Amino acid sequence: MLISNAYAQAADAAAQDPMSGLMGMMPIILMFIVLWFLMIRPQMKKAKEHQKMVAELAKGDEVVTQGGIVGRITKIGENYITVEVAEGKDGAVEVTVQKTAIAALLPKGTLKTL
C-alpha cells in the first residue's frame, strides 16, 4: 500500500476547557484595572475639582493662570475672565483670559505679600 491510514488524535484537554480563553485574557484585564486606578481615575478626579473651582470663581478672587500670571479677578463672563495684573500710570493693567486657563485660586491677601 502506498497510502497509510489516518487516525484521529485525541483532543487536547486545554482545548476542551471553556475557561482557558478567559484565563488567557486575565493579564490584559488586570492591567486595565491597574491602569484605571493608578492613572485614569485620579485624572478624572482632578479635572472635576478644577471644574468646580472654575465654576466658583468670584470677582475679587486672587488667581494664578496656567501661564504663571498672578492677579485679581475684576470681571467674569461666561467663558472669559478679566484679571487685574498691575497698577499702571493710567489705571489698572488688565488681561482677559479663558476661565479654563485659571490654574489655582490663591488665599486672600497673597498679592500684597508678593
N, C-alpha and C. Protein backbone atom coordinates (compact mmCIF):
# COMPACT_ATOMS: atom_id res chain seq x y z
N MET A 1 0.81 -1.17 0.00
CA MET A 1 0.00 0.00 0.00
C MET A 1 0.86 1.25 0.00
N LEU A 2 0.43 2.17 -0.77
CA LEU A 2 1.17 3.43 -0.88
C LEU A 2 0.65 4.50 0.08
N ILE A 3 -0.61 4.43 0.45
CA ILE A 3 -1.19 5.44 1.33
C ILE A 3 -1.44 4.81 2.70
N SER A 4 -0.95 5.51 3.74
CA SER A 4 -1.14 4.97 5.09
C SER A 4 -2.47 5.45 5.65
N ASN A 5 -2.97 4.73 6.61
CA ASN A 5 -4.24 5.10 7.25
C ASN A 5 -4.05 6.32 8.15
N ALA A 6 -5.06 7.20 8.16
CA ALA A 6 -5.03 8.38 9.03
C ALA A 6 -5.97 8.12 10.19
N TYR A 7 -5.48 8.36 11.39
CA TYR A 7 -6.28 8.14 12.58
C TYR A 7 -6.51 9.48 13.29
N ALA A 8 -7.68 9.68 13.85
CA ALA A 8 -7.99 10.91 14.59
C ALA A 8 -7.22 10.90 15.90
N GLN A 9 -6.71 12.08 16.26
CA GLN A 9 -5.99 12.17 17.52
C GLN A 9 -6.97 12.58 18.61
N ALA A 10 -6.64 12.24 19.82
CA ALA A 10 -7.48 12.63 20.94
C ALA A 10 -7.34 14.15 21.13
N ALA A 11 -8.46 14.79 21.43
CA ALA A 11 -8.45 16.25 21.61
C ALA A 11 -7.64 16.63 22.85
N ASP A 12 -6.97 17.75 22.77
CA ASP A 12 -6.16 18.25 23.88
C ASP A 12 -7.09 18.66 25.02
N ALA A 13 -6.69 18.42 26.25
CA ALA A 13 -7.52 18.74 27.41
C ALA A 13 -7.72 20.25 27.54
N ALA A 14 -6.73 21.05 27.15
CA ALA A 14 -6.85 22.51 27.25
C ALA A 14 -7.86 23.04 26.24
N ALA A 15 -7.96 22.41 25.10
CA ALA A 15 -8.90 22.86 24.08
C ALA A 15 -10.34 22.59 24.51
N GLN A 16 -10.56 21.61 25.34
CA GLN A 16 -11.91 21.30 25.79
C GLN A 16 -12.34 22.19 26.96
N ASP A 17 -11.42 22.82 27.64
CA ASP A 17 -11.74 23.64 28.81
C ASP A 17 -12.25 25.02 28.37
N PRO A 18 -13.51 25.38 28.67
CA PRO A 18 -14.03 26.68 28.25
C PRO A 18 -13.40 27.85 29.01
N MET A 19 -12.79 27.63 30.14
CA MET A 19 -12.18 28.70 30.94
C MET A 19 -10.79 29.07 30.45
N SER A 20 -10.21 28.31 29.56
CA SER A 20 -8.85 28.59 29.12
C SER A 20 -8.77 29.92 28.35
N GLY A 21 -9.80 30.28 27.61
CA GLY A 21 -9.80 31.56 26.89
C GLY A 21 -9.86 32.73 27.85
N LEU A 22 -10.66 32.60 28.89
CA LEU A 22 -10.77 33.66 29.89
C LEU A 22 -9.47 33.81 30.67
N MET A 23 -8.83 32.72 30.98
CA MET A 23 -7.57 32.77 31.71
C MET A 23 -6.47 33.40 30.86
N GLY A 24 -6.56 33.26 29.57
CA GLY A 24 -5.58 33.89 28.67
C GLY A 24 -5.76 35.40 28.63
N MET A 25 -6.99 35.88 28.83
CA MET A 25 -7.28 37.31 28.81
C MET A 25 -7.07 37.95 30.18
N MET A 26 -6.90 37.16 31.21
CA MET A 26 -6.80 37.68 32.57
C MET A 26 -5.68 38.71 32.75
N PRO A 27 -4.47 38.52 32.24
CA PRO A 27 -3.43 39.54 32.41
C PRO A 27 -3.81 40.89 31.79
N ILE A 28 -4.45 40.87 30.64
CA ILE A 28 -4.86 42.12 29.99
C ILE A 28 -5.94 42.81 30.82
N ILE A 29 -6.87 42.06 31.34
CA ILE A 29 -7.93 42.63 32.18
C ILE A 29 -7.33 43.23 33.45
N LEU A 30 -6.41 42.53 34.07
CA LEU A 30 -5.76 43.04 35.28
C LEU A 30 -4.94 44.30 35.00
N MET A 31 -4.27 44.36 33.86
CA MET A 31 -3.50 45.56 33.51
C MET A 31 -4.44 46.75 33.32
N PHE A 32 -5.60 46.55 32.71
CA PHE A 32 -6.57 47.63 32.52
C PHE A 32 -7.09 48.13 33.87
N ILE A 33 -7.36 47.22 34.79
CA ILE A 33 -7.85 47.61 36.12
C ILE A 33 -6.79 48.43 36.86
N VAL A 34 -5.55 48.00 36.81
CA VAL A 34 -4.47 48.75 37.46
C VAL A 34 -4.31 50.12 36.81
N LEU A 35 -4.36 50.19 35.47
CA LEU A 35 -4.27 51.45 34.75
C LEU A 35 -5.39 52.39 35.17
N TRP A 36 -6.59 51.87 35.31
CA TRP A 36 -7.75 52.67 35.71
C TRP A 36 -7.53 53.31 37.08
N PHE A 37 -7.10 52.51 38.07
CA PHE A 37 -6.96 53.02 39.42
C PHE A 37 -5.72 53.90 39.62
N LEU A 38 -4.67 53.70 38.82
CA LEU A 38 -3.45 54.47 39.01
C LEU A 38 -3.38 55.72 38.14
N MET A 39 -4.07 55.74 36.99
CA MET A 39 -3.92 56.87 36.08
C MET A 39 -5.23 57.56 35.72
N ILE A 40 -6.20 56.83 35.27
CA ILE A 40 -7.42 57.43 34.73
C ILE A 40 -8.28 58.02 35.84
N ARG A 41 -8.54 57.28 36.89
CA ARG A 41 -9.42 57.74 37.97
C ARG A 41 -8.88 58.99 38.67
N PRO A 42 -7.59 59.06 39.05
CA PRO A 42 -7.09 60.29 39.67
C PRO A 42 -7.16 61.50 38.73
N GLN A 43 -6.93 61.29 37.43
CA GLN A 43 -7.00 62.38 36.48
C GLN A 43 -8.43 62.90 36.35
N MET A 44 -9.40 62.01 36.36
CA MET A 44 -10.81 62.43 36.30
C MET A 44 -11.19 63.20 37.57
N LYS A 45 -10.70 62.77 38.71
CA LYS A 45 -10.98 63.45 39.98
C LYS A 45 -10.38 64.85 39.97
N LYS A 46 -9.17 64.98 39.47
CA LYS A 46 -8.51 66.28 39.40
C LYS A 46 -9.24 67.22 38.44
N ALA A 47 -9.71 66.71 37.32
CA ALA A 47 -10.45 67.53 36.35
C ALA A 47 -11.77 68.00 36.95
N LYS A 48 -12.43 67.13 37.70
CA LYS A 48 -13.70 67.51 38.34
C LYS A 48 -13.47 68.61 39.38
N GLU A 49 -12.40 68.51 40.16
CA GLU A 49 -12.08 69.53 41.15
C GLU A 49 -11.78 70.87 40.47
N HIS A 50 -11.07 70.84 39.33
CA HIS A 50 -10.75 72.06 38.59
C HIS A 50 -12.02 72.71 38.05
N GLN A 51 -12.94 71.92 37.51
CA GLN A 51 -14.21 72.45 37.01
C GLN A 51 -15.00 73.11 38.13
N LYS A 52 -15.00 72.49 39.30
CA LYS A 52 -15.71 73.05 40.45
C LYS A 52 -15.08 74.38 40.87
N MET A 53 -13.74 74.44 40.90
CA MET A 53 -13.04 75.66 41.28
C MET A 53 -13.33 76.79 40.28
N VAL A 54 -13.33 76.48 39.00
CA VAL A 54 -13.60 77.49 37.97
C VAL A 54 -15.04 77.98 38.07
N ALA A 55 -15.97 77.10 38.37
CA ALA A 55 -17.38 77.49 38.49
C ALA A 55 -17.62 78.39 39.69
N GLU A 56 -16.80 78.28 40.73
CA GLU A 56 -16.99 79.04 41.95
C GLU A 56 -16.17 80.33 42.00
N LEU A 57 -15.48 80.69 40.91
CA LEU A 57 -14.70 81.93 40.90
C LEU A 57 -15.61 83.13 41.05
N ALA A 58 -15.14 84.15 41.78
CA ALA A 58 -15.94 85.36 42.00
C ALA A 58 -15.04 86.58 41.83
N LYS A 59 -15.67 87.72 41.63
CA LYS A 59 -14.96 88.98 41.49
C LYS A 59 -14.19 89.25 42.79
N GLY A 60 -12.93 89.65 42.65
CA GLY A 60 -12.08 89.92 43.81
C GLY A 60 -11.18 88.77 44.20
N ASP A 61 -11.41 87.57 43.65
CA ASP A 61 -10.55 86.42 43.97
C ASP A 61 -9.17 86.63 43.36
N GLU A 62 -8.16 86.18 44.06
CA GLU A 62 -6.79 86.23 43.57
C GLU A 62 -6.44 84.87 42.97
N VAL A 63 -5.94 84.90 41.70
CA VAL A 63 -5.73 83.66 40.96
C VAL A 63 -4.36 83.63 40.29
N VAL A 64 -3.97 82.43 39.89
CA VAL A 64 -2.78 82.21 39.08
C VAL A 64 -3.24 81.53 37.80
N THR A 65 -2.80 82.04 36.65
CA THR A 65 -3.15 81.40 35.38
C THR A 65 -2.16 80.29 35.08
N GLN A 66 -2.46 79.49 34.08
CA GLN A 66 -1.55 78.40 33.71
C GLN A 66 -0.24 78.95 33.16
N GLY A 67 -0.25 80.18 32.68
CA GLY A 67 0.97 80.81 32.19
C GLY A 67 1.81 81.43 33.30
N GLY A 68 1.29 81.42 34.54
CA GLY A 68 2.04 81.94 35.68
C GLY A 68 1.72 83.38 36.03
N ILE A 69 0.73 83.97 35.38
CA ILE A 69 0.35 85.35 35.68
C ILE A 69 -0.52 85.35 36.93
N VAL A 70 -0.15 86.25 37.87
CA VAL A 70 -0.88 86.35 39.13
C VAL A 70 -1.67 87.66 39.11
N GLY A 71 -2.95 87.58 39.52
CA GLY A 71 -3.75 88.79 39.52
C GLY A 71 -5.06 88.61 40.27
N ARG A 72 -5.86 89.70 40.24
CA ARG A 72 -7.16 89.71 40.93
C ARG A 72 -8.25 89.80 39.87
N ILE A 73 -9.30 89.01 40.02
CA ILE A 73 -10.40 88.99 39.06
C ILE A 73 -11.20 90.29 39.19
N THR A 74 -11.44 90.96 38.04
CA THR A 74 -12.25 92.18 38.05
C THR A 74 -13.58 92.00 37.34
N LYS A 75 -13.61 91.15 36.33
CA LYS A 75 -14.85 90.88 35.59
C LYS A 75 -14.92 89.40 35.27
N ILE A 76 -16.15 88.87 35.32
CA ILE A 76 -16.36 87.46 34.98
C ILE A 76 -17.42 87.37 33.90
N GLY A 77 -17.08 86.73 32.79
CA GLY A 77 -18.02 86.47 31.72
C GLY A 77 -18.37 85.00 31.71
N GLU A 78 -19.03 84.59 30.64
CA GLU A 78 -19.42 83.18 30.54
C GLU A 78 -18.21 82.28 30.29
N ASN A 79 -17.32 82.73 29.39
CA ASN A 79 -16.15 81.92 29.05
C ASN A 79 -14.83 82.59 29.38
N TYR A 80 -14.86 83.91 29.65
CA TYR A 80 -13.63 84.67 29.86
C TYR A 80 -13.67 85.41 31.19
N ILE A 81 -12.48 85.68 31.71
CA ILE A 81 -12.32 86.40 32.97
C ILE A 81 -11.31 87.53 32.72
N THR A 82 -11.58 88.69 33.27
CA THR A 82 -10.62 89.79 33.20
C THR A 82 -9.87 89.82 34.53
N VAL A 83 -8.54 89.80 34.43
CA VAL A 83 -7.68 89.74 35.61
C VAL A 83 -6.82 91.01 35.65
N GLU A 84 -6.86 91.70 36.78
CA GLU A 84 -6.00 92.86 37.00
C GLU A 84 -4.64 92.35 37.44
N VAL A 85 -3.60 92.68 36.66
CA VAL A 85 -2.28 92.14 36.96
C VAL A 85 -1.33 93.17 37.55
N ALA A 86 -1.61 94.48 37.36
CA ALA A 86 -0.72 95.52 37.91
C ALA A 86 -1.44 96.85 37.91
N GLU A 87 -0.86 97.80 38.63
CA GLU A 87 -1.33 99.19 38.62
C GLU A 87 -0.39 99.98 37.72
N GLY A 88 -0.95 100.65 36.71
CA GLY A 88 -0.15 101.48 35.82
C GLY A 88 -0.41 102.94 36.08
N LYS A 89 0.22 103.84 35.29
CA LYS A 89 0.00 105.28 35.42
C LYS A 89 -1.45 105.65 35.14
N ASP A 90 -2.01 105.03 34.15
CA ASP A 90 -3.36 105.36 33.69
C ASP A 90 -4.43 104.47 34.29
N GLY A 91 -4.11 103.71 35.28
CA GLY A 91 -5.08 102.82 35.91
C GLY A 91 -4.57 101.40 35.93
N ALA A 92 -5.48 100.49 36.20
CA ALA A 92 -5.11 99.09 36.33
C ALA A 92 -4.80 98.47 34.97
N VAL A 93 -3.81 97.58 34.95
CA VAL A 93 -3.48 96.81 33.75
C VAL A 93 -4.26 95.51 33.85
N GLU A 94 -5.13 95.26 32.85
CA GLU A 94 -6.00 94.09 32.89
C GLU A 94 -5.72 93.18 31.71
N VAL A 95 -5.85 91.91 31.95
CA VAL A 95 -5.65 90.88 30.93
C VAL A 95 -6.90 90.02 30.91
N THR A 96 -7.37 89.69 29.70
CA THR A 96 -8.51 88.79 29.56
C THR A 96 -8.01 87.39 29.26
N VAL A 97 -8.45 86.42 30.07
CA VAL A 97 -8.04 85.03 29.88
C VAL A 97 -9.28 84.13 29.90
N GLN A 98 -9.14 82.94 29.35
CA GLN A 98 -10.23 81.96 29.40
C GLN A 98 -10.37 81.46 30.82
N LYS A 99 -11.61 81.10 31.18
CA LYS A 99 -11.84 80.57 32.53
C LYS A 99 -11.02 79.31 32.79
N THR A 100 -10.91 78.47 31.78
CA THR A 100 -10.19 77.20 31.96
C THR A 100 -8.69 77.41 32.12
N ALA A 101 -8.18 78.63 31.83
CA ALA A 101 -6.75 78.90 31.98
C ALA A 101 -6.37 79.24 33.42
N ILE A 102 -7.35 79.32 34.31
CA ILE A 102 -7.05 79.58 35.71
C ILE A 102 -6.55 78.28 36.33
N ALA A 103 -5.32 78.33 36.84
CA ALA A 103 -4.71 77.12 37.40
C ALA A 103 -4.99 76.95 38.88
N ALA A 104 -5.00 78.06 39.63
CA ALA A 104 -5.17 77.94 41.08
C ALA A 104 -5.80 79.20 41.64
N LEU A 105 -6.50 79.02 42.73
CA LEU A 105 -7.09 80.11 43.49
C LEU A 105 -6.19 80.36 44.69
N LEU A 106 -5.75 81.61 44.85
CA LEU A 106 -4.84 81.95 45.93
C LEU A 106 -5.61 82.42 47.15
N PRO A 107 -5.03 82.28 48.33
CA PRO A 107 -5.67 82.82 49.54
C PRO A 107 -5.72 84.35 49.47
N LYS A 108 -6.72 84.94 50.10
CA LYS A 108 -6.86 86.41 50.12
C LYS A 108 -5.61 87.05 50.73
N GLY A 109 -5.16 88.16 50.13
CA GLY A 109 -4.00 88.87 50.65
C GLY A 109 -2.68 88.40 50.08
N THR A 110 -2.67 87.43 49.21
CA THR A 110 -1.41 86.90 48.66
C THR A 110 -0.72 87.94 47.79
N LEU A 111 -1.48 88.72 47.03
CA LEU A 111 -0.89 89.70 46.14
C LEU A 111 -0.14 90.78 46.90
N LYS A 112 -0.56 91.11 48.10
CA LYS A 112 0.12 92.13 48.90
C LYS A 112 1.48 91.66 49.36
N THR A 113 1.65 90.37 49.52
CA THR A 113 2.92 89.84 50.02
C THR A 113 3.94 89.64 48.90
N LEU A 114 3.51 89.70 47.64
CA LEU A 114 4.44 89.49 46.52
C LEU A 114 5.27 90.71 46.21
